[in-house]
């Protein structure tokens, strides 16, 4: 039965990974965005753990100082009671001093361990932030390449697509033909106006010459 459940689990996981692979191949940017969101969540969890570790370290520090101060205080009180001949009071103060000293020793070790763990968490957190930043940069790089690829693909479809050559190229051909017609019209109008003006000037000059000849 266990082997059956294991095979079912492996089959389900294989199908899941295959589906994810297909999604990644189909839309790598979307999958990368999903990975980034997951990494951001994990990074946020570590940040909260680091904050909690800061609080624990501060608590250990306060408890350690309090225990140390109380151990010193009870030690001084034990000396006073001993000098005063108060055996019962001395016994109580000495026991208290021993308890606080033992507690301070234990808290000192706990504080050192908390500081070590805090350093490890800080290093891990900084490393995760760097990796997350690198992934964001990688996403931008992929988005840039994807954008260029799409742009080239779109231009190729418009200009060089052989499958739809009649449709894709016709748009540019229409625009180019239109520009050619406009240019011809402008040139024709320019030449026509230029010729009309030139002929008019020639006729005017000829009339002047004729009038001078008659006179």
N, C-alpha and C. Protein backbone atom coordinates (compact mmCIF):
# COMPACT_ATOMS: atom_id res chain seq x y z
N UNK A 1 0.84 -1.21 0.00
CA UNK A 1 0.00 0.00 0.00
C UNK A 1 0.87 1.26 0.00
N UNK A 2 1.94 1.20 0.81
CA UNK A 2 2.85 2.36 0.87
C UNK A 2 3.49 2.62 -0.48
N UNK A 3 3.90 1.53 -1.15
CA UNK A 3 4.51 1.68 -2.47
C UNK A 3 3.52 2.26 -3.47
N UNK A 4 2.25 1.86 -3.33
CA UNK A 4 1.22 2.40 -4.23
C UNK A 4 1.06 3.89 -4.03
N UNK A 5 0.97 4.34 -2.76
CA UNK A 5 0.85 5.76 -2.48
C UNK A 5 2.08 6.52 -2.97
N UNK A 6 3.25 5.90 -2.82
CA UNK A 6 4.48 6.54 -3.28
C UNK A 6 4.47 6.73 -4.79
N UNK A 7 4.02 5.68 -5.52
CA UNK A 7 3.94 5.79 -6.98
C UNK A 7 2.94 6.85 -7.40
N UNK A 8 1.80 6.89 -6.70
CA UNK A 8 0.79 7.91 -7.02
C UNK A 8 1.35 9.31 -6.78
N UNK A 9 2.04 9.47 -5.64
CA UNK A 9 2.63 10.77 -5.31
C UNK A 9 3.66 11.17 -6.36
N UNK A 10 4.53 10.22 -6.73
CA UNK A 10 5.55 10.53 -7.73
C UNK A 10 4.93 10.88 -9.08
N UNK A 11 3.85 10.17 -9.43
CA UNK A 11 3.16 10.46 -10.69
C UNK A 11 2.56 11.86 -10.68
N UNK A 12 1.89 12.19 -9.56
CA UNK A 12 1.29 13.52 -9.44
C UNK A 12 2.36 14.61 -9.50
N UNK A 13 3.46 14.43 -8.78
CA UNK A 13 4.54 15.41 -8.78
C UNK A 13 5.16 15.53 -10.16
N UNK A 14 5.32 14.41 -10.86
CA UNK A 14 5.88 14.45 -12.22
C UNK A 14 4.97 15.24 -13.14
N UNK A 15 3.65 15.01 -13.02
CA UNK A 15 2.70 15.76 -13.84
C UNK A 15 2.75 17.25 -13.50
N UNK A 16 2.89 17.56 -12.21
CA UNK A 16 2.97 18.95 -11.78
C UNK A 16 4.21 19.63 -12.36
N UNK A 17 5.36 18.95 -12.24
CA UNK A 17 6.59 19.53 -12.77
C UNK A 17 6.53 19.69 -14.29
N UNK A 18 5.90 18.71 -14.94
CA UNK A 18 5.76 18.81 -16.39
C UNK A 18 4.89 20.00 -16.77
N UNK A 19 3.81 20.20 -16.00
CA UNK A 19 2.94 21.35 -16.26
C UNK A 19 3.68 22.66 -16.04
N UNK A 20 4.47 22.73 -14.96
CA UNK A 20 5.24 23.94 -14.68
C UNK A 20 6.28 24.19 -15.76
N UNK A 21 6.91 23.11 -16.23
CA UNK A 21 7.90 23.26 -17.30
C UNK A 21 7.26 23.81 -18.57
N UNK A 22 6.06 23.29 -18.89
CA UNK A 22 5.36 23.78 -20.08
C UNK A 22 4.99 25.25 -19.93
N UNK A 23 4.53 25.63 -18.72
CA UNK A 23 4.19 27.03 -18.48
C UNK A 23 5.42 27.91 -18.58
N UNK A 24 6.54 27.40 -18.06
CA UNK A 24 7.77 28.18 -18.11
C UNK A 24 8.25 28.37 -19.54
N UNK A 25 8.13 27.30 -20.34
CA UNK A 25 8.52 27.42 -21.73
C UNK A 25 7.58 28.34 -22.49
N UNK A 26 6.31 28.32 -22.14
CA UNK A 26 5.33 29.13 -22.82
C UNK A 26 5.46 30.61 -22.44
N UNK A 27 5.66 30.87 -21.17
CA UNK A 27 5.76 32.26 -20.71
C UNK A 27 6.81 32.34 -19.61
N UNK A 28 8.10 32.41 -19.95
CA UNK A 28 9.16 32.41 -18.93
C UNK A 28 9.10 33.63 -18.02
N UNK A 29 8.67 34.78 -18.55
CA UNK A 29 8.60 35.99 -17.72
C UNK A 29 7.56 35.80 -16.61
N UNK A 30 6.41 35.23 -16.94
CA UNK A 30 5.37 35.00 -15.93
C UNK A 30 5.87 34.06 -14.85
N UNK A 31 6.58 32.99 -15.26
CA UNK A 31 7.11 32.05 -14.27
C UNK A 31 8.17 32.72 -13.41
N UNK A 32 9.01 33.56 -14.03
CA UNK A 32 10.03 34.27 -13.26
C UNK A 32 9.38 35.22 -12.27
N UNK A 33 8.30 35.87 -12.67
CA UNK A 33 7.57 36.74 -11.74
C UNK A 33 7.03 35.95 -10.55
N UNK A 34 6.55 34.74 -10.83
CA UNK A 34 6.06 33.89 -9.74
C UNK A 34 7.20 33.50 -8.81
N UNK A 35 8.35 33.13 -9.37
CA UNK A 35 9.50 32.80 -8.54
C UNK A 35 9.93 33.99 -7.70
N UNK A 36 9.87 35.17 -8.29
CA UNK A 36 10.26 36.38 -7.57
C UNK A 36 9.32 36.64 -6.39
N UNK A 37 8.03 36.46 -6.63
CA UNK A 37 7.07 36.65 -5.53
C UNK A 37 7.33 35.67 -4.40
N UNK A 38 7.62 34.41 -4.76
CA UNK A 38 7.92 33.41 -3.73
C UNK A 38 9.19 33.77 -2.97
N UNK A 39 10.22 34.24 -3.69
CA UNK A 39 11.47 34.63 -3.04
C UNK A 39 11.27 35.85 -2.15
N UNK A 40 10.42 36.77 -2.60
CA UNK A 40 10.12 37.95 -1.78
C UNK A 40 9.43 37.55 -0.49
N UNK A 41 8.52 36.58 -0.57
CA UNK A 41 7.84 36.09 0.63
C UNK A 41 8.82 35.43 1.59
N UNK A 42 9.73 34.62 1.04
CA UNK A 42 10.72 33.97 1.89
C UNK A 42 11.67 35.00 2.52
N UNK A 43 12.04 36.00 1.74
CA UNK A 43 12.91 37.05 2.26
C UNK A 43 12.22 37.83 3.37
N UNK A 44 10.91 38.06 3.19
CA UNK A 44 10.15 38.76 4.22
C UNK A 44 10.06 37.93 5.50
N UNK A 45 9.93 36.61 5.35
CA UNK A 45 9.91 35.73 6.52
C UNK A 45 11.22 35.83 7.30
N UNK A 46 12.33 35.81 6.56
CA UNK A 46 13.64 35.92 7.22
C UNK A 46 13.79 37.28 7.89
N UNK A 47 13.27 38.32 7.26
CA UNK A 47 13.34 39.67 7.87
C UNK A 47 12.59 39.69 9.21
N UNK A 48 11.42 39.06 9.25
CA UNK A 48 10.64 39.02 10.49
C UNK A 48 11.36 38.18 11.55
N UNK A 49 11.96 37.07 11.12
CA UNK A 49 12.73 36.26 12.07
C UNK A 49 13.93 37.05 12.61
N UNK A 50 14.54 37.85 11.75
CA UNK A 50 15.67 38.67 12.18
C UNK A 50 15.23 39.72 13.19
N UNK A 51 14.08 40.32 12.96
CA UNK A 51 13.53 41.28 13.93
C UNK A 51 13.26 40.59 15.27
N UNK A 52 12.69 39.39 15.17
CA UNK A 52 12.41 38.64 16.40
C UNK A 52 13.70 38.30 17.13
N UNK A 53 14.74 37.95 16.36
CA UNK A 53 16.02 37.63 16.97
C UNK A 53 16.63 38.85 17.66
N UNK A 54 16.46 40.03 17.06
CA UNK A 54 16.91 41.27 17.70
C UNK A 54 16.21 41.45 19.06
N UNK A 55 14.90 41.21 19.06
CA UNK A 55 14.15 41.35 20.30
C UNK A 55 14.61 40.34 21.35
N UNK A 56 14.84 39.09 20.93
CA UNK A 56 15.31 38.07 21.86
C UNK A 56 16.68 38.43 22.42
N UNK A 57 17.56 38.93 21.55
CA UNK A 57 18.89 39.32 22.02
C UNK A 57 18.79 40.44 23.05
N UNK A 58 17.90 41.40 22.79
CA UNK A 58 17.72 42.50 23.75
C UNK A 58 17.17 41.97 25.08
N UNK A 59 16.24 41.02 25.01
CA UNK A 59 15.69 40.44 26.23
C UNK A 59 16.75 39.67 27.02
N UNK A 60 17.56 38.88 26.30
CA UNK A 60 18.65 38.17 26.96
C UNK A 60 19.63 39.15 27.60
N UNK A 61 19.89 40.25 26.90
CA UNK A 61 20.82 41.25 27.43
C UNK A 61 20.29 41.85 28.74
N UNK A 62 18.99 42.23 28.72
CA UNK A 62 18.40 42.81 29.93
C UNK A 62 18.39 41.80 31.08
N UNK A 63 18.00 40.58 30.79
CA UNK A 63 17.96 39.55 31.84
C UNK A 63 19.36 39.27 32.38
N UNK A 64 20.36 39.27 31.50
CA UNK A 64 21.73 39.01 31.93
C UNK A 64 22.22 40.12 32.86
N UNK A 65 21.96 41.36 32.49
CA UNK A 65 22.40 42.48 33.33
C UNK A 65 21.67 42.47 34.69
N UNK A 66 20.38 42.16 34.64
CA UNK A 66 19.63 42.11 35.90
C UNK A 66 20.17 40.99 36.82
N UNK A 67 20.40 39.82 36.24
CA UNK A 67 20.91 38.70 37.05
C UNK A 67 22.30 39.03 37.59
N UNK A 68 23.14 39.66 36.78
CA UNK A 68 24.49 40.02 37.22
C UNK A 68 24.42 41.03 38.36
N UNK A 69 23.57 42.03 38.21
CA UNK A 69 23.43 43.06 39.25
C UNK A 69 22.90 42.45 40.55
N UNK A 70 21.91 41.55 40.43
CA UNK A 70 21.36 40.92 41.62
C UNK A 70 22.38 40.00 42.29
N UNK A 71 23.20 39.31 41.50
CA UNK A 71 24.24 38.45 42.08
C UNK A 71 25.24 39.29 42.86
N UNK A 72 25.64 40.42 42.30
CA UNK A 72 26.58 41.31 42.99
C UNK A 72 25.94 41.89 44.25
N UNK A 73 24.66 42.27 44.13
CA UNK A 73 23.96 42.85 45.27
C UNK A 73 23.84 41.84 46.42
N UNK A 74 23.44 40.61 46.08
CA UNK A 74 23.30 39.58 47.12
C UNK A 74 24.67 39.21 47.70
N UNK A 75 25.71 39.30 46.88
CA UNK A 75 27.05 39.02 47.38
C UNK A 75 27.47 40.04 48.43
N UNK A 76 27.18 41.33 48.16
CA UNK A 76 27.50 42.37 49.15
C UNK A 76 26.66 42.20 50.41
N UNK A 77 25.39 41.86 50.24
CA UNK A 77 24.52 41.66 51.40
C UNK A 77 24.97 40.46 52.24
N UNK A 78 25.46 39.43 51.58
CA UNK A 78 25.95 38.25 52.33
C UNK A 78 27.15 38.63 53.18
N UNK A 79 28.04 39.48 52.63
CA UNK A 79 29.21 39.92 53.39
C UNK A 79 28.79 40.72 54.61
N UNK A 80 27.80 41.61 54.39
CA UNK A 80 27.32 42.43 55.51
C UNK A 80 26.70 41.53 56.59
N UNK A 81 25.87 40.58 56.19
CA UNK A 81 25.22 39.69 57.16
C UNK A 81 26.23 38.84 57.90
N UNK A 82 27.28 38.40 57.19
CA UNK A 82 28.31 37.58 57.83
C UNK A 82 29.07 38.37 58.87
N UNK A 83 29.40 39.62 58.50
CA UNK A 83 30.12 40.47 59.45
C UNK A 83 29.27 40.80 60.67
N UNK A 84 27.96 40.90 60.43
CA UNK A 84 27.04 41.24 61.53
C UNK A 84 26.69 40.03 62.36
N UNK A 85 27.13 38.88 61.96
CA UNK A 85 26.83 37.67 62.71
C UNK A 85 25.44 37.15 62.49
N UNK A 86 24.76 37.60 61.44
CA UNK A 86 23.40 37.12 61.13
C UNK A 86 23.52 35.89 60.23
N UNK A 87 23.62 34.73 60.87
CA UNK A 87 23.86 33.50 60.13
C UNK A 87 22.72 33.16 59.18
N UNK A 88 21.49 33.28 59.67
CA UNK A 88 20.33 32.94 58.83
C UNK A 88 20.22 33.88 57.64
N UNK A 89 20.40 35.19 57.89
CA UNK A 89 20.34 36.18 56.81
C UNK A 89 21.49 35.97 55.83
N UNK A 90 22.65 35.62 56.39
CA UNK A 90 23.80 35.36 55.51
C UNK A 90 23.52 34.16 54.61
N UNK A 91 22.93 33.11 55.19
CA UNK A 91 22.64 31.90 54.42
C UNK A 91 21.69 32.22 53.26
N UNK A 92 20.66 33.02 53.56
CA UNK A 92 19.69 33.37 52.52
C UNK A 92 20.35 34.19 51.42
N UNK A 93 21.13 35.20 51.79
CA UNK A 93 21.79 36.05 50.80
C UNK A 93 22.80 35.26 49.97
N UNK A 94 23.50 34.34 50.61
CA UNK A 94 24.48 33.53 49.89
C UNK A 94 23.79 32.62 48.87
N UNK A 95 22.67 32.02 49.28
CA UNK A 95 21.93 31.18 48.35
C UNK A 95 21.40 32.00 47.16
N UNK A 96 20.86 33.17 47.46
CA UNK A 96 20.36 34.06 46.41
C UNK A 96 21.48 34.46 45.45
N UNK A 97 22.65 34.78 46.04
CA UNK A 97 23.80 35.16 45.21
C UNK A 97 24.20 34.03 44.28
N UNK A 98 24.14 32.80 44.75
CA UNK A 98 24.49 31.63 43.95
C UNK A 98 23.49 31.41 42.83
N UNK A 99 22.19 31.57 43.14
CA UNK A 99 21.15 31.41 42.12
C UNK A 99 21.30 32.44 41.01
N UNK A 100 21.50 33.71 41.42
CA UNK A 100 21.62 34.78 40.41
C UNK A 100 22.91 34.62 39.59
N UNK A 101 23.97 34.18 40.23
CA UNK A 101 25.22 33.98 39.50
C UNK A 101 25.08 32.86 38.48
N UNK A 102 24.38 31.77 38.89
CA UNK A 102 24.15 30.67 37.96
C UNK A 102 23.25 31.12 36.81
N UNK A 103 22.23 31.91 37.13
CA UNK A 103 21.34 32.42 36.09
C UNK A 103 22.10 33.35 35.14
N UNK A 104 22.95 34.19 35.68
CA UNK A 104 23.73 35.11 34.84
C UNK A 104 24.65 34.34 33.90
N UNK A 105 25.24 33.25 34.40
CA UNK A 105 26.12 32.42 33.58
C UNK A 105 25.34 31.78 32.43
N UNK A 106 24.14 31.27 32.76
CA UNK A 106 23.31 30.65 31.73
C UNK A 106 22.85 31.69 30.70
N UNK A 107 22.47 32.85 31.19
CA UNK A 107 22.04 33.92 30.29
C UNK A 107 23.19 34.44 29.43
N UNK A 108 24.39 34.42 29.97
CA UNK A 108 25.55 34.85 29.19
C UNK A 108 25.76 33.93 28.00
N UNK A 109 25.63 32.61 28.23
CA UNK A 109 25.77 31.65 27.14
C UNK A 109 24.63 31.82 26.13
N UNK A 110 23.41 32.02 26.65
CA UNK A 110 22.25 32.20 25.77
C UNK A 110 22.40 33.46 24.93
N UNK A 111 22.92 34.53 25.56
CA UNK A 111 23.13 35.79 24.84
C UNK A 111 24.17 35.63 23.74
N UNK A 112 25.25 34.92 24.06
CA UNK A 112 26.29 34.69 23.04
C UNK A 112 25.73 33.89 21.88
N UNK A 113 24.90 32.89 22.20
CA UNK A 113 24.28 32.08 21.15
C UNK A 113 23.30 32.91 20.33
N UNK A 114 22.55 33.80 20.98
CA UNK A 114 21.60 34.66 20.29
C UNK A 114 22.32 35.62 19.35
N UNK A 115 23.46 36.15 19.80
CA UNK A 115 24.24 37.06 18.95
C UNK A 115 24.76 36.31 17.73
N UNK A 116 25.24 35.07 17.95
CA UNK A 116 25.73 34.26 16.85
C UNK A 116 24.62 33.97 15.84
N UNK A 117 23.45 33.58 16.36
CA UNK A 117 22.32 33.31 15.48
C UNK A 117 21.87 34.57 14.74
N UNK A 118 21.93 35.70 15.42
CA UNK A 118 21.56 36.95 14.77
C UNK A 118 22.51 37.27 13.62
N UNK A 119 23.80 37.07 13.85
CA UNK A 119 24.77 37.30 12.78
C UNK A 119 24.50 36.38 11.59
N UNK A 120 24.20 35.12 11.87
CA UNK A 120 23.92 34.18 10.79
C UNK A 120 22.67 34.60 10.01
N UNK A 121 21.63 35.01 10.74
CA UNK A 121 20.41 35.46 10.07
C UNK A 121 20.65 36.73 9.26
N UNK A 122 21.46 37.64 9.79
CA UNK A 122 21.75 38.87 9.07
C UNK A 122 22.50 38.57 7.77
N UNK A 123 23.47 37.66 7.84
CA UNK A 123 24.22 37.29 6.64
C UNK A 123 23.29 36.61 5.62
N UNK A 124 22.43 35.73 6.11
CA UNK A 124 21.49 35.05 5.22
C UNK A 124 20.52 36.05 4.61
N UNK A 125 20.05 36.98 5.42
CA UNK A 125 19.10 37.99 4.93
C UNK A 125 19.73 38.87 3.87
N UNK A 126 20.97 39.32 4.12
CA UNK A 126 21.66 40.14 3.13
C UNK A 126 21.91 39.36 1.85
N UNK A 127 22.27 38.08 1.99
CA UNK A 127 22.50 37.25 0.82
C UNK A 127 21.22 37.07 0.02
N UNK A 128 20.11 36.87 0.72
CA UNK A 128 18.82 36.72 0.03
C UNK A 128 18.42 38.00 -0.67
N UNK A 129 18.69 39.15 -0.04
CA UNK A 129 18.36 40.43 -0.68
C UNK A 129 19.19 40.63 -1.94
N UNK A 130 20.47 40.26 -1.89
CA UNK A 130 21.32 40.38 -3.08
C UNK A 130 20.81 39.46 -4.20
N UNK A 131 20.47 38.23 -3.84
CA UNK A 131 19.98 37.29 -4.84
C UNK A 131 18.65 37.77 -5.42
N UNK A 132 17.81 38.32 -4.56
CA UNK A 132 16.52 38.84 -5.02
C UNK A 132 16.73 40.00 -5.98
N UNK A 133 17.68 40.89 -5.64
CA UNK A 133 17.99 42.01 -6.52
C UNK A 133 18.53 41.51 -7.85
N UNK A 134 19.40 40.50 -7.80
CA UNK A 134 19.95 39.93 -9.04
C UNK A 134 18.83 39.34 -9.89
N UNK A 135 17.85 38.71 -9.24
CA UNK A 135 16.73 38.14 -9.99
C UNK A 135 15.88 39.22 -10.62
N UNK A 136 15.70 40.34 -9.92
CA UNK A 136 14.97 41.46 -10.50
C UNK A 136 15.70 42.00 -11.73
N UNK A 137 17.02 42.11 -11.62
CA UNK A 137 17.81 42.58 -12.75
C UNK A 137 17.72 41.59 -13.90
N UNK A 138 17.77 40.30 -13.56
CA UNK A 138 17.66 39.27 -14.60
C UNK A 138 16.30 39.36 -15.29
N UNK A 139 15.26 39.64 -14.49
CA UNK A 139 13.93 39.77 -15.10
C UNK A 139 13.91 40.95 -16.07
N UNK A 140 14.53 42.07 -15.67
CA UNK A 140 14.58 43.22 -16.57
C UNK A 140 15.33 42.88 -17.85
N UNK A 141 16.43 42.12 -17.71
CA UNK A 141 17.19 41.72 -18.89
C UNK A 141 16.34 40.83 -19.80
N UNK A 142 15.62 39.87 -19.19
CA UNK A 142 14.77 38.99 -19.99
C UNK A 142 13.64 39.77 -20.63
N UNK A 143 13.06 40.72 -19.90
CA UNK A 143 11.99 41.54 -20.46
C UNK A 143 12.51 42.37 -21.63
N UNK A 144 13.75 42.87 -21.50
CA UNK A 144 14.34 43.63 -22.60
C UNK A 144 14.53 42.77 -23.83
N UNK A 145 15.09 41.55 -23.62
CA UNK A 145 15.29 40.65 -24.76
C UNK A 145 13.95 40.22 -25.36
N UNK A 146 12.97 39.95 -24.49
CA UNK A 146 11.66 39.55 -24.99
C UNK A 146 11.02 40.69 -25.78
N UNK A 147 11.19 41.91 -25.31
CA UNK A 147 10.62 43.05 -26.01
C UNK A 147 11.24 43.22 -27.39
N UNK A 148 12.57 43.09 -27.44
CA UNK A 148 13.27 43.19 -28.73
C UNK A 148 12.83 42.08 -29.66
N UNK A 149 12.71 40.85 -29.12
CA UNK A 149 12.28 39.72 -29.94
C UNK A 149 10.89 39.94 -30.50
N UNK A 150 9.99 40.42 -29.64
CA UNK A 150 8.63 40.70 -30.11
C UNK A 150 8.62 41.80 -31.16
N UNK A 151 9.45 42.83 -30.94
CA UNK A 151 9.50 43.93 -31.90
C UNK A 151 10.00 43.43 -33.25
N UNK A 152 11.07 42.63 -33.23
CA UNK A 152 11.59 42.08 -34.49
C UNK A 152 10.57 41.16 -35.14
N UNK A 153 9.90 40.36 -34.33
CA UNK A 153 8.89 39.46 -34.87
C UNK A 153 7.76 40.25 -35.52
N UNK A 154 7.34 41.33 -34.86
CA UNK A 154 6.26 42.15 -35.40
C UNK A 154 6.69 42.81 -36.70
N UNK A 155 7.94 43.33 -36.72
CA UNK A 155 8.43 43.96 -37.94
C UNK A 155 8.57 42.95 -39.07
N UNK A 156 9.04 41.74 -38.70
CA UNK A 156 9.18 40.70 -39.72
C UNK A 156 7.83 40.33 -40.30
N UNK A 157 6.81 40.29 -39.43
CA UNK A 157 5.48 39.98 -39.92
C UNK A 157 4.98 41.03 -40.90
N UNK A 158 5.29 42.30 -40.57
CA UNK A 158 4.81 43.39 -41.42
C UNK A 158 5.58 43.48 -42.72
N UNK A 159 6.93 43.26 -42.63
CA UNK A 159 7.78 43.51 -43.78
C UNK A 159 8.11 42.25 -44.57
N UNK A 160 8.44 41.16 -43.87
CA UNK A 160 9.03 40.01 -44.56
C UNK A 160 8.27 38.72 -44.36
N UNK A 161 7.07 38.77 -43.87
CA UNK A 161 6.33 37.54 -43.62
C UNK A 161 5.87 36.93 -44.94
N UNK A 162 6.44 35.77 -45.29
CA UNK A 162 6.11 35.13 -46.56
C UNK A 162 4.75 34.45 -46.51
N UNK A 163 4.31 34.06 -45.32
CA UNK A 163 3.03 33.37 -45.20
C UNK A 163 1.88 34.31 -45.58
N UNK A 164 2.01 35.54 -45.11
CA UNK A 164 0.97 36.52 -45.42
C UNK A 164 1.59 37.67 -46.21
N UNK A 165 2.37 37.32 -47.21
CA UNK A 165 3.13 38.34 -47.93
C UNK A 165 2.22 39.35 -48.60
N UNK A 166 1.13 38.86 -49.18
CA UNK A 166 0.23 39.78 -49.89
C UNK A 166 -0.39 40.79 -48.94
N UNK A 167 -0.71 40.32 -47.70
CA UNK A 167 -1.37 41.21 -46.75
C UNK A 167 -0.36 42.07 -45.98
N UNK A 168 0.71 41.40 -45.53
CA UNK A 168 1.66 42.11 -44.68
C UNK A 168 2.42 43.18 -45.44
N UNK A 169 2.85 42.84 -46.63
CA UNK A 169 3.65 43.81 -47.39
C UNK A 169 2.77 44.85 -48.06
N UNK A 170 1.51 44.52 -48.26
CA UNK A 170 0.64 45.44 -48.98
C UNK A 170 0.47 46.76 -48.24
N UNK A 171 0.49 46.71 -46.90
CA UNK A 171 0.30 47.94 -46.12
C UNK A 171 1.43 48.92 -46.38
N UNK A 172 2.67 48.41 -46.29
CA UNK A 172 3.79 49.28 -46.58
C UNK A 172 3.79 49.70 -48.06
N UNK A 173 3.41 48.77 -48.91
CA UNK A 173 3.37 49.10 -50.34
C UNK A 173 2.37 50.21 -50.61
N UNK A 174 1.21 50.12 -49.94
CA UNK A 174 0.20 51.16 -50.10
C UNK A 174 0.74 52.51 -49.64
N UNK A 175 1.41 52.50 -48.47
CA UNK A 175 1.95 53.75 -47.95
C UNK A 175 3.02 54.31 -48.88
N UNK A 176 3.92 53.40 -49.36
CA UNK A 176 4.97 53.85 -50.26
C UNK A 176 4.39 54.37 -51.57
N UNK A 177 3.37 53.69 -52.10
CA UNK A 177 2.73 54.15 -53.34
C UNK A 177 2.07 55.50 -53.14
N UNK A 178 1.43 55.64 -51.97
CA UNK A 178 0.79 56.92 -51.67
C UNK A 178 1.82 58.05 -51.61
N UNK A 179 2.94 57.77 -50.94
CA UNK A 179 3.99 58.79 -50.86
C UNK A 179 4.55 59.10 -52.24
N UNK A 180 4.69 58.06 -53.07
CA UNK A 180 5.17 58.29 -54.44
C UNK A 180 4.20 59.18 -55.20
N UNK A 181 2.91 58.91 -55.05
CA UNK A 181 1.91 59.73 -55.75
C UNK A 181 1.94 61.17 -55.25
N UNK A 182 2.05 61.33 -53.95
CA UNK A 182 2.11 62.68 -53.40
C UNK A 182 3.35 63.41 -53.92
N UNK A 183 4.49 62.68 -53.96
CA UNK A 183 5.71 63.29 -54.46
C UNK A 183 5.59 63.67 -55.93
N UNK A 184 4.97 62.79 -56.71
CA UNK A 184 4.77 63.10 -58.13
C UNK A 184 3.86 64.31 -58.30
N UNK A 185 2.81 64.35 -57.49
CA UNK A 185 1.91 65.48 -57.57
C UNK A 185 2.60 66.79 -57.20
N UNK A 186 3.41 66.72 -56.16
CA UNK A 186 4.15 67.92 -55.75
C UNK A 186 5.12 68.35 -56.83
N UNK A 187 5.87 67.34 -57.34
CA UNK A 187 6.83 67.67 -58.39
C UNK A 187 6.14 68.20 -59.64
N UNK A 188 5.04 67.53 -60.01
CA UNK A 188 4.30 67.97 -61.19
C UNK A 188 3.77 69.38 -61.02
N UNK A 189 3.23 69.63 -59.82
CA UNK A 189 2.73 70.97 -59.54
C UNK A 189 3.86 71.99 -59.56
N UNK A 190 5.01 71.58 -59.01
CA UNK A 190 6.17 72.49 -59.00
C UNK A 190 6.64 72.80 -60.41
N UNK A 191 6.78 71.73 -61.23
CA UNK A 191 7.23 71.93 -62.59
C UNK A 191 6.21 72.72 -63.40
N UNK A 192 4.92 72.42 -63.16
CA UNK A 192 3.87 73.13 -63.90
C UNK A 192 3.88 74.61 -63.55
N UNK A 193 3.98 74.89 -62.26
CA UNK A 193 4.03 76.30 -61.86
C UNK A 193 5.30 76.97 -62.37
N UNK A 194 6.39 76.21 -62.32
CA UNK A 194 7.65 76.77 -62.80
C UNK A 194 7.60 77.05 -64.30
N UNK A 195 7.03 76.08 -65.05
CA UNK A 195 6.92 76.27 -66.50
C UNK A 195 6.00 77.43 -66.83
N UNK A 196 4.86 77.48 -66.15
CA UNK A 196 3.92 78.59 -66.39
C UNK A 196 4.58 79.93 -66.12
N UNK A 197 5.31 79.97 -65.02
CA UNK A 197 5.99 81.23 -64.69
C UNK A 197 7.06 81.58 -65.69
N UNK A 198 7.80 80.56 -66.11
CA UNK A 198 8.89 80.79 -67.06
C UNK A 198 8.35 81.24 -68.41
N UNK A 199 7.29 80.56 -68.88
CA UNK A 199 6.68 80.94 -70.16
C UNK A 199 6.13 82.35 -70.09
N UNK A 200 5.52 82.66 -68.97
CA UNK A 200 4.99 84.02 -68.82
C UNK A 200 6.10 85.05 -68.88
N UNK A 201 7.23 84.77 -68.26
CA UNK A 201 8.36 85.68 -68.32
C UNK A 201 8.90 85.81 -69.74
N UNK A 202 8.96 84.67 -70.44
CA UNK A 202 9.44 84.70 -71.84
C UNK A 202 8.51 85.52 -72.73
N UNK A 203 7.20 85.30 -72.54
CA UNK A 203 6.24 86.09 -73.32
C UNK A 203 6.36 87.57 -73.03
N UNK A 204 6.57 87.87 -71.77
CA UNK A 204 6.74 89.28 -71.39
C UNK A 204 7.98 89.88 -72.02
N UNK A 205 9.07 89.13 -72.02
CA UNK A 205 10.31 89.61 -72.62
C UNK A 205 10.15 89.80 -74.14
N UNK A 206 9.46 88.83 -74.75
CA UNK A 206 9.24 88.91 -76.19
C UNK A 206 8.41 90.13 -76.56
N UNK A 207 7.39 90.43 -75.78
CA UNK A 207 6.57 91.62 -76.03
C UNK A 207 7.39 92.90 -75.90
N UNK A 208 8.28 92.91 -74.94
CA UNK A 208 9.13 94.09 -74.76
C UNK A 208 10.03 94.27 -75.96
N UNK A 209 10.61 93.15 -76.41
CA UNK A 209 11.50 93.24 -77.58
C UNK A 209 10.74 93.71 -78.81
N UNK A 210 9.50 93.18 -78.99
CA UNK A 210 8.70 93.61 -80.15
C UNK A 210 8.38 95.08 -80.09
N UNK A 211 8.05 95.56 -78.89
CA UNK A 211 7.72 96.99 -78.77
C UNK A 211 8.92 97.85 -79.05
N UNK A 212 10.10 97.41 -78.61
CA UNK A 212 11.31 98.16 -78.90
C UNK A 212 11.63 98.16 -80.39
N UNK A 213 11.36 97.07 -81.06
CA UNK A 213 11.65 96.97 -82.49
C UNK A 213 10.76 97.89 -83.29
N UNK A 214 9.48 97.95 -82.88
CA UNK A 214 8.52 98.84 -83.58
C UNK A 214 8.89 100.29 -83.37
N UNK A 215 9.28 100.63 -82.20
CA UNK A 215 9.63 102.03 -81.93
C UNK A 215 10.94 102.38 -82.62
